[in-house]
Amino acid sequence: MDKDGSGAITPDEVEDLLHDTYGFPPLEEEVAMFMQNFDLNKDGKVTWEEFRNTLEKIKTETNKKSANAKEYSSYEKMRADRYKHIRMGKDL
């Protein structure tokens, strides 16, 4: 995605990255959110190191949340468990 070979991606290159990922042009806000989250030193570019560090942070946060996740084998079971007191096996 580093089209100019600078060693970092700029907002224009992020827009191209997101367009390739989504299959349609991203909103300006999505590009801005990407830059806000990934451009750690706020220099207007995302280096590989910044990208990798942010992905590791996201992975760690996701893994913490996955401990509470539950996989269902049927829609009916998921629908029956939609209330917390039922999922947790407790009365109201």
N, C-alpha and C. Protein backbone atom coordinates (compact mmCIF):
# COMPACT_ATOMS: atom_id res chain seq x y z
N MET A 1 0.82 -1.20 0.00
CA MET A 1 0.00 0.00 0.00
C MET A 1 0.86 1.26 0.00
N ASP A 2 2.12 1.12 0.33
CA ASP A 2 3.04 2.26 0.31
C ASP A 2 3.45 2.52 -1.14
N LYS A 3 2.59 3.22 -1.86
CA LYS A 3 2.77 3.39 -3.30
C LYS A 3 3.98 4.22 -3.68
N ASP A 4 4.37 5.17 -2.82
CA ASP A 4 5.51 6.01 -3.16
C ASP A 4 6.83 5.49 -2.59
N GLY A 5 6.77 4.36 -1.86
CA GLY A 5 7.99 3.75 -1.33
C GLY A 5 8.65 4.54 -0.22
N SER A 6 7.87 5.35 0.49
CA SER A 6 8.42 6.21 1.55
C SER A 6 8.67 5.48 2.87
N GLY A 7 8.14 4.27 2.99
CA GLY A 7 8.27 3.54 4.25
C GLY A 7 7.12 3.78 5.19
N ALA A 8 6.13 4.54 4.75
CA ALA A 8 4.94 4.83 5.56
C ALA A 8 3.77 5.07 4.61
N ILE A 9 2.57 4.97 5.16
CA ILE A 9 1.40 5.26 4.35
C ILE A 9 0.76 6.56 4.82
N THR A 10 0.31 7.34 3.86
CA THR A 10 -0.31 8.63 4.11
C THR A 10 -1.83 8.46 4.06
N PRO A 11 -2.58 9.49 4.43
CA PRO A 11 -4.04 9.38 4.36
C PRO A 11 -4.56 8.98 2.97
N ASP A 12 -3.92 9.48 1.91
CA ASP A 12 -4.35 9.09 0.56
C ASP A 12 -4.15 7.60 0.33
N GLU A 13 -3.04 7.06 0.81
CA GLU A 13 -2.77 5.63 0.67
C GLU A 13 -3.69 4.81 1.57
N VAL A 14 -4.02 5.36 2.74
CA VAL A 14 -4.99 4.69 3.63
C VAL A 14 -6.35 4.62 2.95
N GLU A 15 -6.73 5.70 2.27
CA GLU A 15 -8.00 5.71 1.55
C GLU A 15 -8.01 4.60 0.49
N ASP A 16 -6.90 4.44 -0.23
CA ASP A 16 -6.80 3.36 -1.22
C ASP A 16 -6.87 1.98 -0.55
N LEU A 17 -6.19 1.85 0.60
CA LEU A 17 -6.21 0.59 1.35
C LEU A 17 -7.63 0.22 1.76
N LEU A 18 -8.34 1.18 2.33
CA LEU A 18 -9.71 0.92 2.77
C LEU A 18 -10.64 0.67 1.59
N HIS A 19 -10.41 1.36 0.49
CA HIS A 19 -11.22 1.13 -0.71
C HIS A 19 -11.02 -0.30 -1.20
N ASP A 20 -9.77 -0.76 -1.23
CA ASP A 20 -9.48 -2.14 -1.64
C ASP A 20 -10.11 -3.15 -0.67
N THR A 21 -10.08 -2.82 0.62
CA THR A 21 -10.63 -3.72 1.64
C THR A 21 -12.15 -3.79 1.57
N TYR A 22 -12.80 -2.62 1.48
CA TYR A 22 -14.26 -2.56 1.49
C TYR A 22 -14.88 -2.91 0.13
N GLY A 23 -14.18 -2.57 -0.93
CA GLY A 23 -14.74 -2.73 -2.27
C GLY A 23 -15.49 -1.50 -2.72
N PHE A 24 -15.46 -0.45 -1.93
CA PHE A 24 -16.07 0.84 -2.28
C PHE A 24 -15.33 1.92 -1.50
N PRO A 25 -15.42 3.18 -1.96
CA PRO A 25 -14.66 4.25 -1.29
C PRO A 25 -15.08 4.44 0.17
N PRO A 26 -14.10 4.61 1.06
CA PRO A 26 -14.43 4.84 2.47
C PRO A 26 -14.88 6.28 2.69
N LEU A 27 -15.57 6.49 3.79
CA LEU A 27 -15.93 7.84 4.19
C LEU A 27 -14.69 8.56 4.69
N GLU A 28 -14.69 9.88 4.60
CA GLU A 28 -13.56 10.67 5.10
C GLU A 28 -13.34 10.40 6.58
N GLU A 29 -14.43 10.19 7.32
CA GLU A 29 -14.35 9.94 8.76
C GLU A 29 -13.62 8.61 9.04
N GLU A 30 -13.80 7.63 8.16
CA GLU A 30 -13.14 6.34 8.35
C GLU A 30 -11.63 6.47 8.16
N VAL A 31 -11.23 7.24 7.16
CA VAL A 31 -9.80 7.49 6.95
C VAL A 31 -9.23 8.24 8.16
N ALA A 32 -9.97 9.24 8.64
CA ALA A 32 -9.53 10.01 9.80
C ALA A 32 -9.42 9.12 11.04
N MET A 33 -10.40 8.22 11.24
CA MET A 33 -10.35 7.30 12.38
C MET A 33 -9.15 6.37 12.28
N PHE A 34 -8.87 5.87 11.09
CA PHE A 34 -7.71 5.01 10.88
C PHE A 34 -6.44 5.76 11.27
N MET A 35 -6.30 6.97 10.77
CA MET A 35 -5.10 7.75 11.08
C MET A 35 -5.01 8.07 12.58
N GLN A 36 -6.13 8.38 13.18
CA GLN A 36 -6.14 8.70 14.61
C GLN A 36 -5.67 7.50 15.44
N ASN A 37 -6.09 6.31 15.05
CA ASN A 37 -5.74 5.11 15.82
C ASN A 37 -4.36 4.55 15.50
N PHE A 38 -3.92 4.68 14.26
CA PHE A 38 -2.67 4.04 13.85
C PHE A 38 -1.47 4.98 13.82
N ASP A 39 -1.68 6.28 13.61
CA ASP A 39 -0.57 7.24 13.55
C ASP A 39 -0.19 7.64 14.97
N LEU A 40 0.60 6.81 15.60
CA LEU A 40 0.89 6.98 17.03
C LEU A 40 1.68 8.25 17.34
N ASN A 41 2.58 8.65 16.47
CA ASN A 41 3.37 9.86 16.76
C ASN A 41 2.78 11.11 16.11
N LYS A 42 1.61 10.97 15.49
CA LYS A 42 0.83 12.08 14.93
C LYS A 42 1.63 12.92 13.92
N ASP A 43 2.40 12.23 13.08
CA ASP A 43 3.17 12.94 12.04
C ASP A 43 2.49 12.91 10.68
N GLY A 44 1.26 12.38 10.62
CA GLY A 44 0.52 12.35 9.37
C GLY A 44 0.82 11.14 8.50
N LYS A 45 1.60 10.19 9.03
CA LYS A 45 1.96 8.98 8.30
C LYS A 45 1.88 7.79 9.25
N VAL A 46 1.63 6.61 8.69
CA VAL A 46 1.61 5.38 9.49
C VAL A 46 2.75 4.50 9.00
N THR A 47 3.70 4.27 9.89
CA THR A 47 4.82 3.38 9.56
C THR A 47 4.41 1.94 9.85
N TRP A 48 5.22 1.01 9.35
CA TRP A 48 4.95 -0.41 9.61
C TRP A 48 4.97 -0.67 11.11
N GLU A 49 5.90 -0.06 11.81
CA GLU A 49 6.02 -0.25 13.27
C GLU A 49 4.75 0.23 13.98
N GLU A 50 4.24 1.41 13.61
CA GLU A 50 3.01 1.92 14.21
C GLU A 50 1.83 1.00 13.89
N PHE A 51 1.77 0.54 12.66
CA PHE A 51 0.69 -0.36 12.24
C PHE A 51 0.73 -1.65 13.04
N ARG A 52 1.92 -2.24 13.14
CA ARG A 52 2.08 -3.50 13.87
C ARG A 52 1.75 -3.32 15.35
N ASN A 53 2.23 -2.26 15.97
CA ASN A 53 1.97 -2.02 17.40
C ASN A 53 0.48 -1.82 17.67
N THR A 54 -0.20 -1.11 16.79
CA THR A 54 -1.63 -0.89 16.98
C THR A 54 -2.40 -2.19 16.80
N LEU A 55 -2.02 -2.99 15.81
CA LEU A 55 -2.69 -4.28 15.63
C LEU A 55 -2.48 -5.20 16.84
N GLU A 56 -1.30 -5.18 17.43
CA GLU A 56 -1.05 -5.97 18.64
C GLU A 56 -1.94 -5.51 19.79
N LYS A 57 -2.11 -4.20 19.92
CA LYS A 57 -2.98 -3.65 20.96
C LYS A 57 -4.43 -4.09 20.73
N ILE A 58 -4.89 -4.01 19.48
CA ILE A 58 -6.25 -4.44 19.15
C ILE A 58 -6.42 -5.92 19.42
N LYS A 59 -5.42 -6.71 19.06
CA LYS A 59 -5.47 -8.16 19.28
C LYS A 59 -5.57 -8.47 20.78
N THR A 60 -4.80 -7.79 21.60
CA THR A 60 -4.83 -8.00 23.04
C THR A 60 -6.20 -7.65 23.61
N GLU A 61 -6.75 -6.50 23.19
CA GLU A 61 -8.08 -6.09 23.67
C GLU A 61 -9.16 -7.07 23.23
N THR A 62 -9.06 -7.54 22.01
CA THR A 62 -10.04 -8.50 21.49
C THR A 62 -9.95 -9.82 22.23
N ASN A 63 -8.75 -10.28 22.51
CA ASN A 63 -8.58 -11.54 23.24
C ASN A 63 -9.16 -11.46 24.64
N LYS A 64 -9.05 -10.31 25.28
CA LYS A 64 -9.65 -10.13 26.61
C LYS A 64 -11.17 -10.28 26.53
N LYS A 65 -11.76 -9.70 25.50
CA LYS A 65 -13.22 -9.75 25.34
C LYS A 65 -13.69 -11.14 24.91
N SER A 66 -12.84 -11.85 24.19
CA SER A 66 -13.26 -13.16 23.68
C SER A 66 -13.46 -14.18 24.79
N ALA A 67 -12.87 -13.94 25.95
CA ALA A 67 -13.06 -14.84 27.07
C ALA A 67 -14.53 -14.89 27.50
N ASN A 68 -15.25 -13.81 27.23
CA ASN A 68 -16.67 -13.73 27.60
C ASN A 68 -17.60 -14.09 26.44
N ALA A 69 -17.03 -14.41 25.30
CA ALA A 69 -17.84 -14.71 24.12
C ALA A 69 -18.43 -16.11 24.21
N LYS A 70 -19.50 -16.31 23.48
CA LYS A 70 -20.14 -17.61 23.47
C LYS A 70 -20.53 -17.93 22.03
N GLU A 71 -20.28 -19.15 21.62
CA GLU A 71 -20.63 -19.58 20.27
C GLU A 71 -21.89 -20.42 20.33
N TYR A 72 -22.81 -20.13 19.44
CA TYR A 72 -24.06 -20.86 19.39
C TYR A 72 -24.11 -21.74 18.15
N SER A 73 -24.76 -22.87 18.30
CA SER A 73 -24.92 -23.79 17.17
C SER A 73 -26.28 -23.63 16.50
N SER A 74 -27.17 -22.85 17.12
CA SER A 74 -28.47 -22.63 16.50
C SER A 74 -29.01 -21.25 16.89
N TYR A 75 -29.83 -20.73 16.01
CA TYR A 75 -30.48 -19.45 16.26
C TYR A 75 -31.41 -19.55 17.46
N GLU A 76 -32.09 -20.66 17.59
CA GLU A 76 -33.03 -20.83 18.69
C GLU A 76 -32.34 -20.75 20.05
N LYS A 77 -31.19 -21.39 20.18
CA LYS A 77 -30.44 -21.36 21.44
C LYS A 77 -29.94 -19.93 21.72
N MET A 78 -29.45 -19.26 20.70
CA MET A 78 -28.99 -17.89 20.88
C MET A 78 -30.15 -16.99 21.30
N ARG A 79 -31.29 -17.16 20.66
CA ARG A 79 -32.47 -16.36 21.00
C ARG A 79 -32.91 -16.62 22.43
N ALA A 80 -32.87 -17.87 22.87
CA ALA A 80 -33.27 -18.22 24.24
C ALA A 80 -32.32 -17.62 25.27
N ASP A 81 -31.05 -17.45 24.91
CA ASP A 81 -30.05 -16.92 25.84
C ASP A 81 -29.89 -15.40 25.76
N ARG A 82 -30.79 -14.72 25.09
CA ARG A 82 -30.58 -13.29 24.87
C ARG A 82 -30.68 -12.45 26.13
N TYR A 83 -31.28 -12.98 27.17
CA TYR A 83 -31.38 -12.25 28.43
C TYR A 83 -30.27 -12.69 29.37
N LYS A 84 -29.61 -11.72 29.97
CA LYS A 84 -28.44 -12.01 30.80
C LYS A 84 -28.75 -12.97 31.93
N HIS A 85 -29.88 -12.82 32.60
CA HIS A 85 -30.18 -13.70 33.73
C HIS A 85 -30.33 -15.15 33.28
N ILE A 86 -30.73 -15.37 32.04
CA ILE A 86 -30.82 -16.74 31.52
C ILE A 86 -29.42 -17.25 31.17
N ARG A 87 -28.64 -16.42 30.48
CA ARG A 87 -27.28 -16.81 30.09
C ARG A 87 -26.43 -17.16 31.30
N MET A 88 -26.60 -16.39 32.35
CA MET A 88 -25.76 -16.57 33.54
C MET A 88 -26.32 -17.64 34.48
N GLY A 89 -27.49 -18.18 34.16
CA GLY A 89 -28.08 -19.23 34.97
C GLY A 89 -28.59 -18.75 36.31
N LYS A 90 -29.06 -17.51 36.35
CA LYS A 90 -29.53 -16.93 37.61
C LYS A 90 -30.94 -16.38 37.44
N ASP A 91 -31.62 -16.30 38.55
CA ASP A 91 -32.93 -15.69 38.55
C ASP A 91 -32.76 -14.17 38.51
N LEU A 92 -33.88 -13.48 38.26
CA LEU A 92 -33.84 -12.02 38.23
C LEU A 92 -33.41 -11.44 39.55
